[in-house]
Amino acid sequence: MSDTTEQPGGPDEPSLDEQIAAYQREFRDLDPQVEQVVSALGRLNRRMNVAYGRQLAALGISNAEWEVLKTLVLAGAPYRLGPGELAKRLGLTPAAMTHRIDRMAGEGLVTRDRDENNRVRVIVEVTDEGRTKWLEAMRMATDFEEDLLQDLTAEERGDLGDMLIRVLRRVEHAQPDAGGRLTDLD
């Protein structure tokens, strides 16, 4: 097994080597190479989420609000969708989406207006302030991500990206409904 020694994430978190050794002790069929990859990805994901959360908090927005802004921006200009489509894309219930939109409209991040062509339909749109927050979050994330991958060459980054996409495709094929959430987070 390769050296997977790391600084523990907290006083009670074992190194990856210690974790894998404990798993092997209790479950002899464990492939240590597979466990090393999966455990490292899990820890990396958790730590990255904490870092992103801190960046968003510094901007005065939550991860939940970031997800809505991101989804609206990904929809393309003029950065607007109906609440039902937003809920579907985020894997949320309509009630959770309404709560989120209410909060964000109150903070000036989005507007919620009736569709001029269909007065029954509501449209949620990113405000200038919401777009500014989104852009600043992207700048902060880009700096963090560049720093994160600084020890990898361009070729290694490409190879790592390709490998992770292959793994992601396998998970998406095996769990096609796993893009959303099991429960609403807010």
N, C-alpha and C. Protein backbone atom coordinates (compact mmCIF):
# COMPACT_ATOMS: atom_id res chain seq x y z
N MET A 1 0.85 -1.17 0.00
CA MET A 1 0.00 0.00 0.00
C MET A 1 0.90 1.23 0.00
N SER A 2 0.49 2.26 -0.75
CA SER A 2 1.28 3.48 -0.80
C SER A 2 1.09 4.27 0.48
N ASP A 3 1.97 5.23 0.71
CA ASP A 3 1.90 6.04 1.91
C ASP A 3 0.73 7.02 1.80
N THR A 4 -0.23 6.87 2.68
CA THR A 4 -1.40 7.76 2.68
C THR A 4 -1.46 8.55 3.96
N THR A 5 -0.31 8.69 4.61
CA THR A 5 -0.27 9.42 5.87
C THR A 5 -0.68 10.86 5.61
N GLU A 6 -1.48 11.40 6.49
CA GLU A 6 -1.93 12.77 6.37
C GLU A 6 -2.07 13.34 7.76
N GLN A 7 -2.20 14.63 7.81
CA GLN A 7 -2.50 15.26 9.07
C GLN A 7 -3.97 14.98 9.37
N PRO A 8 -4.28 14.52 10.57
CA PRO A 8 -5.67 14.26 10.89
C PRO A 8 -6.51 15.51 10.73
N GLY A 9 -7.79 15.32 10.32
CA GLY A 9 -8.71 16.44 10.14
C GLY A 9 -9.20 17.01 11.45
N GLY A 10 -9.00 16.31 12.50
CA GLY A 10 -9.41 16.76 13.82
C GLY A 10 -8.80 15.83 14.84
N PRO A 11 -8.99 16.12 16.11
CA PRO A 11 -8.35 15.31 17.14
C PRO A 11 -8.82 13.85 17.16
N ASP A 12 -9.99 13.58 16.63
CA ASP A 12 -10.52 12.21 16.67
C ASP A 12 -10.50 11.51 15.31
N GLU A 13 -9.99 12.17 14.28
CA GLU A 13 -9.99 11.57 12.96
C GLU A 13 -8.66 10.86 12.70
N PRO A 14 -8.71 9.57 12.38
CA PRO A 14 -7.47 8.85 12.10
C PRO A 14 -6.92 9.25 10.73
N SER A 15 -5.63 8.97 10.52
CA SER A 15 -5.06 9.16 9.18
C SER A 15 -5.73 8.13 8.25
N LEU A 16 -5.55 8.33 6.96
CA LEU A 16 -6.11 7.36 6.01
C LEU A 16 -5.49 5.98 6.23
N ASP A 17 -4.19 5.93 6.50
CA ASP A 17 -3.54 4.64 6.76
C ASP A 17 -4.20 3.94 7.95
N GLU A 18 -4.42 4.69 9.02
CA GLU A 18 -5.04 4.12 10.22
C GLU A 18 -6.47 3.66 9.93
N GLN A 19 -7.20 4.46 9.19
CA GLN A 19 -8.58 4.10 8.86
C GLN A 19 -8.62 2.82 8.03
N ILE A 20 -7.78 2.75 7.01
CA ILE A 20 -7.77 1.58 6.13
C ILE A 20 -7.33 0.34 6.90
N ALA A 21 -6.34 0.48 7.77
CA ALA A 21 -5.88 -0.66 8.59
C ALA A 21 -7.01 -1.15 9.49
N ALA A 22 -7.75 -0.25 10.08
CA ALA A 22 -8.88 -0.64 10.94
C ALA A 22 -9.95 -1.34 10.12
N TYR A 23 -10.24 -0.82 8.93
CA TYR A 23 -11.24 -1.46 8.07
C TYR A 23 -10.78 -2.87 7.69
N GLN A 24 -9.51 -3.01 7.33
CA GLN A 24 -8.98 -4.33 6.95
C GLN A 24 -9.04 -5.30 8.12
N ARG A 25 -8.79 -4.81 9.32
CA ARG A 25 -8.84 -5.65 10.51
C ARG A 25 -10.26 -6.19 10.71
N GLU A 26 -11.25 -5.36 10.46
CA GLU A 26 -12.64 -5.74 10.70
C GLU A 26 -13.33 -6.36 9.49
N PHE A 27 -12.82 -6.07 8.30
CA PHE A 27 -13.44 -6.57 7.07
C PHE A 27 -12.33 -6.99 6.12
N ARG A 28 -11.98 -8.27 6.17
CA ARG A 28 -10.81 -8.79 5.46
C ARG A 28 -10.92 -8.72 3.93
N ASP A 29 -12.14 -8.62 3.40
CA ASP A 29 -12.32 -8.59 1.95
C ASP A 29 -12.05 -7.21 1.34
N LEU A 30 -11.69 -6.26 2.13
CA LEU A 30 -11.48 -4.89 1.68
C LEU A 30 -10.28 -4.79 0.76
N ASP A 31 -10.44 -4.11 -0.36
CA ASP A 31 -9.32 -3.81 -1.25
C ASP A 31 -8.74 -2.48 -0.79
N PRO A 32 -7.52 -2.46 -0.24
CA PRO A 32 -6.97 -1.22 0.31
C PRO A 32 -6.78 -0.12 -0.73
N GLN A 33 -6.51 -0.48 -1.98
CA GLN A 33 -6.35 0.54 -3.02
C GLN A 33 -7.69 1.24 -3.30
N VAL A 34 -8.75 0.45 -3.38
CA VAL A 34 -10.08 1.03 -3.60
C VAL A 34 -10.45 1.92 -2.42
N GLU A 35 -10.22 1.41 -1.22
CA GLU A 35 -10.57 2.17 -0.02
C GLU A 35 -9.76 3.46 0.08
N GLN A 36 -8.50 3.42 -0.31
CA GLN A 36 -7.67 4.61 -0.29
C GLN A 36 -8.27 5.69 -1.20
N VAL A 37 -8.65 5.31 -2.41
CA VAL A 37 -9.22 6.27 -3.36
C VAL A 37 -10.54 6.82 -2.83
N VAL A 38 -11.44 5.93 -2.42
CA VAL A 38 -12.77 6.34 -1.98
C VAL A 38 -12.69 7.19 -0.71
N SER A 39 -11.88 6.79 0.23
CA SER A 39 -11.74 7.55 1.48
C SER A 39 -11.10 8.92 1.23
N ALA A 40 -10.09 8.95 0.36
CA ALA A 40 -9.45 10.23 0.05
C ALA A 40 -10.43 11.16 -0.65
N LEU A 41 -11.23 10.63 -1.58
CA LEU A 41 -12.24 11.46 -2.25
C LEU A 41 -13.27 11.99 -1.25
N GLY A 42 -13.69 11.14 -0.34
CA GLY A 42 -14.66 11.56 0.67
C GLY A 42 -14.12 12.67 1.55
N ARG A 43 -12.89 12.50 2.01
CA ARG A 43 -12.28 13.53 2.86
C ARG A 43 -12.04 14.82 2.08
N LEU A 44 -11.59 14.68 0.85
CA LEU A 44 -11.37 15.86 0.01
C LEU A 44 -12.68 16.61 -0.20
N ASN A 45 -13.74 15.89 -0.51
CA ASN A 45 -15.04 16.50 -0.71
C ASN A 45 -15.50 17.25 0.54
N ARG A 46 -15.35 16.61 1.70
CA ARG A 46 -15.77 17.23 2.96
C ARG A 46 -14.98 18.51 3.23
N ARG A 47 -13.68 18.45 3.06
CA ARG A 47 -12.84 19.62 3.32
C ARG A 47 -13.10 20.75 2.32
N MET A 48 -13.31 20.38 1.06
CA MET A 48 -13.62 21.40 0.05
C MET A 48 -14.95 22.06 0.35
N ASN A 49 -15.94 21.28 0.78
CA ASN A 49 -17.24 21.86 1.12
C ASN A 49 -17.12 22.83 2.29
N VAL A 50 -16.28 22.52 3.26
CA VAL A 50 -16.05 23.44 4.38
C VAL A 50 -15.41 24.72 3.87
N ALA A 51 -14.40 24.60 3.01
CA ALA A 51 -13.72 25.78 2.48
C ALA A 51 -14.68 26.64 1.67
N TYR A 52 -15.47 26.01 0.80
CA TYR A 52 -16.45 26.77 0.01
C TYR A 52 -17.48 27.44 0.92
N GLY A 53 -17.91 26.72 1.94
CA GLY A 53 -18.88 27.28 2.89
C GLY A 53 -18.34 28.52 3.58
N ARG A 54 -17.08 28.48 3.94
CA ARG A 54 -16.45 29.65 4.58
C ARG A 54 -16.38 30.82 3.62
N GLN A 55 -16.04 30.54 2.36
CA GLN A 55 -15.98 31.61 1.36
C GLN A 55 -17.37 32.24 1.17
N LEU A 56 -18.38 31.41 1.07
CA LEU A 56 -19.73 31.93 0.88
C LEU A 56 -20.19 32.73 2.09
N ALA A 57 -19.86 32.24 3.28
CA ALA A 57 -20.23 32.96 4.50
C ALA A 57 -19.57 34.34 4.52
N ALA A 58 -18.33 34.43 4.04
CA ALA A 58 -17.64 35.72 3.97
C ALA A 58 -18.36 36.69 3.04
N LEU A 59 -19.08 36.14 2.05
CA LEU A 59 -19.86 36.97 1.13
C LEU A 59 -21.27 37.24 1.63
N GLY A 60 -21.63 36.59 2.74
CA GLY A 60 -22.97 36.79 3.29
C GLY A 60 -24.06 35.97 2.63
N ILE A 61 -23.66 34.86 1.98
CA ILE A 61 -24.67 33.98 1.39
C ILE A 61 -24.43 32.55 1.87
N SER A 62 -25.48 31.76 1.84
CA SER A 62 -25.38 30.37 2.26
C SER A 62 -25.11 29.48 1.05
N ASN A 63 -24.75 28.24 1.31
CA ASN A 63 -24.56 27.28 0.24
C ASN A 63 -25.87 27.07 -0.53
N ALA A 64 -26.98 27.06 0.19
CA ALA A 64 -28.29 26.89 -0.45
C ALA A 64 -28.56 28.05 -1.41
N GLU A 65 -28.22 29.25 -1.01
CA GLU A 65 -28.42 30.41 -1.89
C GLU A 65 -27.47 30.35 -3.08
N TRP A 66 -26.24 29.93 -2.83
CA TRP A 66 -25.27 29.75 -3.91
C TRP A 66 -25.81 28.79 -4.96
N GLU A 67 -26.40 27.69 -4.52
CA GLU A 67 -26.93 26.69 -5.46
C GLU A 67 -27.99 27.29 -6.37
N VAL A 68 -28.85 28.13 -5.81
CA VAL A 68 -29.90 28.78 -6.63
C VAL A 68 -29.25 29.74 -7.62
N LEU A 69 -28.33 30.58 -7.16
CA LEU A 69 -27.64 31.52 -8.06
C LEU A 69 -26.93 30.77 -9.18
N LYS A 70 -26.22 29.71 -8.81
CA LYS A 70 -25.49 28.90 -9.80
C LYS A 70 -26.45 28.31 -10.83
N THR A 71 -27.57 27.79 -10.37
CA THR A 71 -28.54 27.17 -11.28
C THR A 71 -29.12 28.20 -12.23
N LEU A 72 -29.41 29.39 -11.73
CA LEU A 72 -29.94 30.44 -12.59
C LEU A 72 -28.89 30.89 -13.61
N VAL A 73 -27.64 31.04 -13.20
CA VAL A 73 -26.59 31.44 -14.12
C VAL A 73 -26.37 30.35 -15.18
N LEU A 74 -26.38 29.09 -14.75
CA LEU A 74 -26.20 28.00 -15.71
C LEU A 74 -27.33 27.92 -16.73
N ALA A 75 -28.50 28.47 -16.38
CA ALA A 75 -29.63 28.50 -17.32
C ALA A 75 -29.35 29.46 -18.47
N GLY A 76 -28.39 30.36 -18.29
CA GLY A 76 -28.04 31.32 -19.33
C GLY A 76 -28.82 32.61 -19.21
N ALA A 77 -28.29 33.64 -19.87
CA ALA A 77 -28.93 34.96 -19.84
C ALA A 77 -30.35 34.82 -20.37
N PRO A 78 -31.29 35.42 -19.74
CA PRO A 78 -31.24 36.45 -18.70
C PRO A 78 -31.26 35.90 -17.28
N TYR A 79 -30.81 34.67 -17.06
CA TYR A 79 -30.65 34.07 -15.73
C TYR A 79 -31.98 34.00 -14.98
N ARG A 80 -32.92 33.31 -15.59
CA ARG A 80 -34.25 33.20 -14.99
C ARG A 80 -34.86 31.84 -15.26
N LEU A 81 -35.61 31.35 -14.29
CA LEU A 81 -36.33 30.09 -14.38
C LEU A 81 -37.58 30.19 -13.52
N GLY A 82 -38.51 29.28 -13.75
CA GLY A 82 -39.65 29.17 -12.86
C GLY A 82 -39.25 28.42 -11.60
N PRO A 83 -39.98 28.63 -10.50
CA PRO A 83 -39.65 27.95 -9.25
C PRO A 83 -39.71 26.43 -9.36
N GLY A 84 -40.65 25.92 -10.14
CA GLY A 84 -40.75 24.47 -10.32
C GLY A 84 -39.53 23.89 -11.00
N GLU A 85 -39.04 24.58 -12.03
CA GLU A 85 -37.83 24.12 -12.72
C GLU A 85 -36.61 24.23 -11.81
N LEU A 86 -36.53 25.29 -11.04
CA LEU A 86 -35.44 25.42 -10.07
C LEU A 86 -35.46 24.26 -9.08
N ALA A 87 -36.64 23.98 -8.53
CA ALA A 87 -36.77 22.88 -7.56
C ALA A 87 -36.34 21.56 -8.18
N LYS A 88 -36.76 21.32 -9.41
CA LYS A 88 -36.41 20.08 -10.10
C LYS A 88 -34.90 19.97 -10.29
N ARG A 89 -34.28 21.04 -10.75
CA ARG A 89 -32.84 21.02 -11.02
C ARG A 89 -32.02 20.88 -9.73
N LEU A 90 -32.56 21.37 -8.62
CA LEU A 90 -31.83 21.28 -7.35
C LEU A 90 -32.23 20.06 -6.52
N GLY A 91 -33.20 19.30 -6.99
CA GLY A 91 -33.62 18.11 -6.25
C GLY A 91 -34.35 18.46 -4.96
N LEU A 92 -35.13 19.55 -4.98
CA LEU A 92 -35.84 20.01 -3.79
C LEU A 92 -37.34 19.90 -3.99
N THR A 93 -38.07 19.91 -2.90
CA THR A 93 -39.52 19.96 -2.97
C THR A 93 -39.93 21.39 -3.32
N PRO A 94 -41.11 21.57 -3.90
CA PRO A 94 -41.58 22.93 -4.17
C PRO A 94 -41.64 23.80 -2.91
N ALA A 95 -42.03 23.22 -1.78
CA ALA A 95 -42.11 24.00 -0.54
C ALA A 95 -40.73 24.50 -0.12
N ALA A 96 -39.72 23.66 -0.20
CA ALA A 96 -38.37 24.08 0.15
C ALA A 96 -37.87 25.15 -0.81
N MET A 97 -38.21 25.01 -2.08
CA MET A 97 -37.79 25.99 -3.08
C MET A 97 -38.45 27.33 -2.80
N THR A 98 -39.73 27.32 -2.48
CA THR A 98 -40.45 28.56 -2.16
C THR A 98 -39.81 29.26 -0.96
N HIS A 99 -39.48 28.50 0.05
CA HIS A 99 -38.82 29.06 1.24
C HIS A 99 -37.50 29.71 0.86
N ARG A 100 -36.73 29.03 0.03
CA ARG A 100 -35.42 29.54 -0.38
C ARG A 100 -35.58 30.82 -1.22
N ILE A 101 -36.52 30.81 -2.14
CA ILE A 101 -36.74 31.98 -2.99
C ILE A 101 -37.21 33.16 -2.15
N ASP A 102 -38.12 32.92 -1.20
CA ASP A 102 -38.58 33.99 -0.30
C ASP A 102 -37.41 34.66 0.40
N ARG A 103 -36.54 33.84 0.95
CA ARG A 103 -35.39 34.35 1.69
C ARG A 103 -34.46 35.14 0.76
N MET A 104 -34.19 34.60 -0.41
CA MET A 104 -33.28 35.26 -1.33
C MET A 104 -33.86 36.55 -1.90
N ALA A 105 -35.15 36.58 -2.14
CA ALA A 105 -35.80 37.81 -2.63
C ALA A 105 -35.71 38.88 -1.55
N GLY A 106 -35.90 38.48 -0.30
CA GLY A 106 -35.78 39.41 0.82
C GLY A 106 -34.38 39.97 0.97
N GLU A 107 -33.38 39.21 0.55
CA GLU A 107 -31.98 39.64 0.63
C GLU A 107 -31.53 40.38 -0.63
N GLY A 108 -32.41 40.49 -1.62
CA GLY A 108 -32.07 41.21 -2.84
C GLY A 108 -31.22 40.43 -3.82
N LEU A 109 -31.17 39.09 -3.67
CA LEU A 109 -30.36 38.27 -4.57
C LEU A 109 -31.11 37.85 -5.83
N VAL A 110 -32.43 37.72 -5.71
CA VAL A 110 -33.28 37.35 -6.84
C VAL A 110 -34.56 38.18 -6.79
N THR A 111 -35.22 38.25 -7.93
CA THR A 111 -36.57 38.81 -7.96
C THR A 111 -37.52 37.68 -8.32
N ARG A 112 -38.75 37.87 -7.95
CA ARG A 112 -39.81 36.90 -8.28
C ARG A 112 -40.97 37.73 -8.82
N ASP A 113 -41.23 37.55 -10.11
CA ASP A 113 -42.28 38.33 -10.76
C ASP A 113 -43.15 37.42 -11.61
N ARG A 114 -44.34 37.90 -11.91
CA ARG A 114 -45.24 37.18 -12.80
C ARG A 114 -44.70 37.27 -14.23
N ASP A 115 -44.84 36.18 -14.96
CA ASP A 115 -44.46 36.14 -16.37
C ASP A 115 -45.42 37.03 -17.15
N GLU A 116 -44.89 37.94 -17.93
CA GLU A 116 -45.73 38.87 -18.71
C GLU A 116 -46.61 38.12 -19.72
N ASN A 117 -46.13 36.98 -20.22
CA ASN A 117 -46.87 36.22 -21.22
C ASN A 117 -47.87 35.25 -20.61
N ASN A 118 -47.69 34.92 -19.33
CA ASN A 118 -48.58 33.98 -18.66
C ASN A 118 -48.64 34.40 -17.19
N ARG A 119 -49.65 35.16 -16.83
CA ARG A 119 -49.74 35.77 -15.51
C ARG A 119 -49.84 34.76 -14.37
N VAL A 120 -50.11 33.50 -14.69
CA VAL A 120 -50.16 32.46 -13.66
C VAL A 120 -48.75 32.01 -13.30
N ARG A 121 -47.86 32.11 -14.25
CA ARG A 121 -46.49 31.62 -14.07
C ARG A 121 -45.62 32.68 -13.39
N VAL A 122 -44.78 32.19 -12.45
CA VAL A 122 -43.83 33.04 -11.75
C VAL A 122 -42.43 32.80 -12.33
N ILE A 123 -41.66 33.87 -12.42
CA ILE A 123 -40.28 33.79 -12.91
C ILE A 123 -39.34 34.29 -11.81
N VAL A 124 -38.29 33.53 -11.56
CA VAL A 124 -37.25 33.92 -10.60
C VAL A 124 -36.04 34.33 -11.43
N GLU A 125 -35.50 35.51 -11.11
CA GLU A 125 -34.38 36.04 -11.89
C GLU A 125 -33.30 36.58 -10.94
N VAL A 126 -32.05 36.39 -11.33
CA VAL A 126 -30.92 36.90 -10.55
C VAL A 126 -30.89 38.42 -10.65
N THR A 127 -30.70 39.09 -9.52
CA THR A 127 -30.53 40.55 -9.51
C THR A 127 -29.07 40.89 -9.78
N ASP A 128 -28.78 42.17 -9.96
CA ASP A 128 -27.39 42.60 -10.11
C ASP A 128 -26.58 42.22 -8.88
N GLU A 129 -27.17 42.39 -7.70
CA GLU A 129 -26.48 42.02 -6.46
C GLU A 129 -26.22 40.51 -6.41
N GLY A 130 -27.20 39.72 -6.82
CA GLY A 130 -27.02 38.27 -6.85
C GLY A 130 -25.93 37.86 -7.81
N ARG A 131 -25.89 38.50 -8.98
CA ARG A 131 -24.84 38.19 -9.96
C ARG A 131 -23.48 38.61 -9.44
N THR A 132 -23.39 39.75 -8.77
CA THR A 132 -22.13 40.20 -8.18
C THR A 132 -21.64 39.20 -7.14
N LYS A 133 -22.54 38.70 -6.30
CA LYS A 133 -22.16 37.71 -5.28
C LYS A 133 -21.69 36.42 -5.96
N TRP A 134 -22.40 36.02 -7.01
CA TRP A 134 -22.02 34.81 -7.74
C TRP A 134 -20.62 34.96 -8.33
N LEU A 135 -20.36 36.10 -8.97
CA LEU A 135 -19.05 36.32 -9.58
C LEU A 135 -17.94 36.34 -8.52
N GLU A 136 -18.17 36.98 -7.38
CA GLU A 136 -17.16 37.02 -6.33
C GLU A 136 -16.91 35.62 -5.77
N ALA A 137 -17.97 34.84 -5.60
CA ALA A 137 -17.81 33.46 -5.13
C ALA A 137 -16.99 32.65 -6.14
N MET A 138 -17.24 32.87 -7.42
CA MET A 138 -16.46 32.17 -8.46
C MET A 138 -14.99 32.58 -8.41
N ARG A 139 -14.71 33.86 -8.20
CA ARG A 139 -13.32 34.32 -8.09
C ARG A 139 -12.63 33.64 -6.91
N MET A 140 -13.31 33.61 -5.77
CA MET A 140 -12.73 33.00 -4.57
C MET A 140 -12.52 31.50 -4.78
N ALA A 141 -13.50 30.83 -5.38
CA ALA A 141 -13.38 29.39 -5.62
C ALA A 141 -12.25 29.09 -6.60
N THR A 142 -12.13 29.91 -7.63
CA THR A 142 -11.07 29.70 -8.62
C THR A 142 -9.70 29.82 -7.98
N ASP A 143 -9.51 30.82 -7.13
CA ASP A 143 -8.23 30.96 -6.42
C ASP A 143 -7.95 29.75 -5.55
N PHE A 144 -8.97 29.31 -4.81
CA PHE A 144 -8.83 28.13 -3.93
C PHE A 144 -8.49 26.89 -4.74
N GLU A 145 -9.18 26.68 -5.85
CA GLU A 145 -8.99 25.49 -6.67
C GLU A 145 -7.63 25.49 -7.36
N GLU A 146 -7.18 26.66 -7.82
CA GLU A 146 -5.83 26.75 -8.40
C GLU A 146 -4.78 26.39 -7.37
N ASP A 147 -4.95 26.90 -6.15
CA ASP A 147 -4.02 26.59 -5.07
C ASP A 147 -4.06 25.09 -4.74
N LEU A 148 -5.25 24.53 -4.72
CA LEU A 148 -5.44 23.12 -4.41
C LEU A 148 -4.67 22.22 -5.37
N LEU A 149 -4.65 22.58 -6.63
CA LEU A 149 -4.04 21.73 -7.66
C LEU A 149 -2.66 22.21 -8.10
N GLN A 150 -2.05 23.12 -7.35
CA GLN A 150 -0.78 23.72 -7.77
C GLN A 150 0.36 22.71 -7.91
N ASP A 151 0.31 21.60 -7.19
CA ASP A 151 1.40 20.63 -7.25
C ASP A 151 1.27 19.65 -8.41
N LEU A 152 0.20 19.77 -9.19
CA LEU A 152 0.00 18.89 -10.34
C LEU A 152 0.34 19.63 -11.62
N THR A 153 0.99 18.92 -12.53
CA THR A 153 1.27 19.50 -13.85
C THR A 153 -0.05 19.58 -14.63
N ALA A 154 0.00 20.30 -15.73
CA ALA A 154 -1.19 20.40 -16.58
C ALA A 154 -1.62 19.01 -17.06
N GLU A 155 -0.65 18.17 -17.40
CA GLU A 155 -0.97 16.81 -17.86
C GLU A 155 -1.61 16.00 -16.72
N GLU A 156 -1.05 16.11 -15.51
CA GLU A 156 -1.62 15.39 -14.36
C GLU A 156 -3.04 15.87 -14.06
N ARG A 157 -3.28 17.18 -14.17
CA ARG A 157 -4.62 17.71 -13.96
C ARG A 157 -5.59 17.11 -14.97
N GLY A 158 -5.15 17.07 -16.22
CA GLY A 158 -5.99 16.49 -17.28
C GLY A 158 -6.27 15.02 -17.02
N ASP A 159 -5.22 14.28 -16.65
CA ASP A 159 -5.39 12.84 -16.37
C ASP A 159 -6.33 12.62 -15.18
N LEU A 160 -6.11 13.41 -14.11
CA LEU A 160 -6.97 13.28 -12.93
C LEU A 160 -8.41 13.60 -13.28
N GLY A 161 -8.61 14.67 -14.02
CA GLY A 161 -9.97 15.03 -14.45
C GLY A 161 -10.62 13.92 -15.25
N ASP A 162 -9.87 13.35 -16.20
CA ASP A 162 -10.40 12.26 -17.02
C ASP A 162 -10.78 11.05 -16.16
N MET A 163 -9.90 10.70 -15.23
CA MET A 163 -10.17 9.53 -14.37
C MET A 163 -11.40 9.77 -13.48
N LEU A 164 -11.49 10.95 -12.90
CA LEU A 164 -12.63 11.24 -12.03
C LEU A 164 -13.94 11.26 -12.82
N ILE A 165 -13.90 11.75 -14.05
CA ILE A 165 -15.10 11.75 -14.89
C ILE A 165 -15.52 10.32 -15.20
N ARG A 166 -14.56 9.43 -15.44
CA ARG A 166 -14.92 8.02 -15.68
C ARG A 166 -15.60 7.42 -14.46
N VAL A 167 -15.07 7.70 -13.27
CA VAL A 167 -15.69 7.20 -12.04
C VAL A 167 -17.07 7.82 -11.86
N LEU A 168 -17.18 9.12 -12.09
CA LEU A 168 -18.47 9.80 -11.97
C LEU A 168 -19.51 9.21 -12.91
N ARG A 169 -19.11 8.93 -14.15
CA ARG A 169 -20.06 8.33 -15.11
C ARG A 169 -20.56 6.97 -14.62
N ARG A 170 -19.67 6.19 -14.01
CA ARG A 170 -20.08 4.88 -13.50
C ARG A 170 -21.11 5.05 -12.37
N VAL A 171 -20.84 6.01 -11.48
CA VAL A 171 -21.79 6.26 -10.38
C VAL A 171 -23.11 6.76 -10.94
N GLU A 172 -23.05 7.68 -11.89
CA GLU A 172 -24.28 8.22 -12.48
C GLU A 172 -25.08 7.13 -13.19
N HIS A 173 -24.39 6.20 -13.82
CA HIS A 173 -25.08 5.09 -14.49
C HIS A 173 -25.73 4.17 -13.46
N ALA A 174 -25.01 3.89 -12.38
CA ALA A 174 -25.53 2.99 -11.35
C ALA A 174 -26.59 3.64 -10.47
N GLN A 175 -26.49 4.95 -10.28
CA GLN A 175 -27.40 5.70 -9.40
C GLN A 175 -27.94 6.93 -10.14
N PRO A 176 -28.75 6.74 -11.18
CA PRO A 176 -29.16 7.89 -12.00
C PRO A 176 -29.99 8.93 -11.25
N ASP A 177 -30.58 8.55 -10.14
CA ASP A 177 -31.42 9.49 -9.39
C ASP A 177 -30.68 10.14 -8.22
N ALA A 178 -29.37 9.95 -8.15
CA ALA A 178 -28.60 10.42 -6.99
C ALA A 178 -28.13 11.87 -7.11
N GLY A 179 -28.58 12.61 -8.11
CA GLY A 179 -28.14 13.99 -8.28
C GLY A 179 -28.79 14.94 -7.31
N GLY A 180 -29.99 14.61 -6.84
CA GLY A 180 -30.70 15.46 -5.90
C GLY A 180 -30.38 15.08 -4.47
N ARG A 181 -31.28 15.38 -3.59
CA ARG A 181 -31.08 15.11 -2.17
C ARG A 181 -32.10 14.10 -1.69
N LEU A 182 -31.73 13.39 -0.64
CA LEU A 182 -32.69 12.49 -0.02
C LEU A 182 -33.70 13.28 0.80
N THR A 183 -33.24 14.37 1.38
CA THR A 183 -34.13 15.25 2.15
C THR A 183 -33.72 16.69 1.89
N ASP A 184 -34.63 17.61 2.12
CA ASP A 184 -34.33 19.02 1.96
C ASP A 184 -33.41 19.45 3.09
N LEU A 185 -32.45 20.31 2.77
CA LEU A 185 -31.47 20.73 3.74
C LEU A 185 -31.85 22.02 4.47
N ASP A 186 -32.88 22.71 4.00
CA ASP A 186 -33.26 23.93 4.71
C ASP A 186 -34.74 24.14 4.71
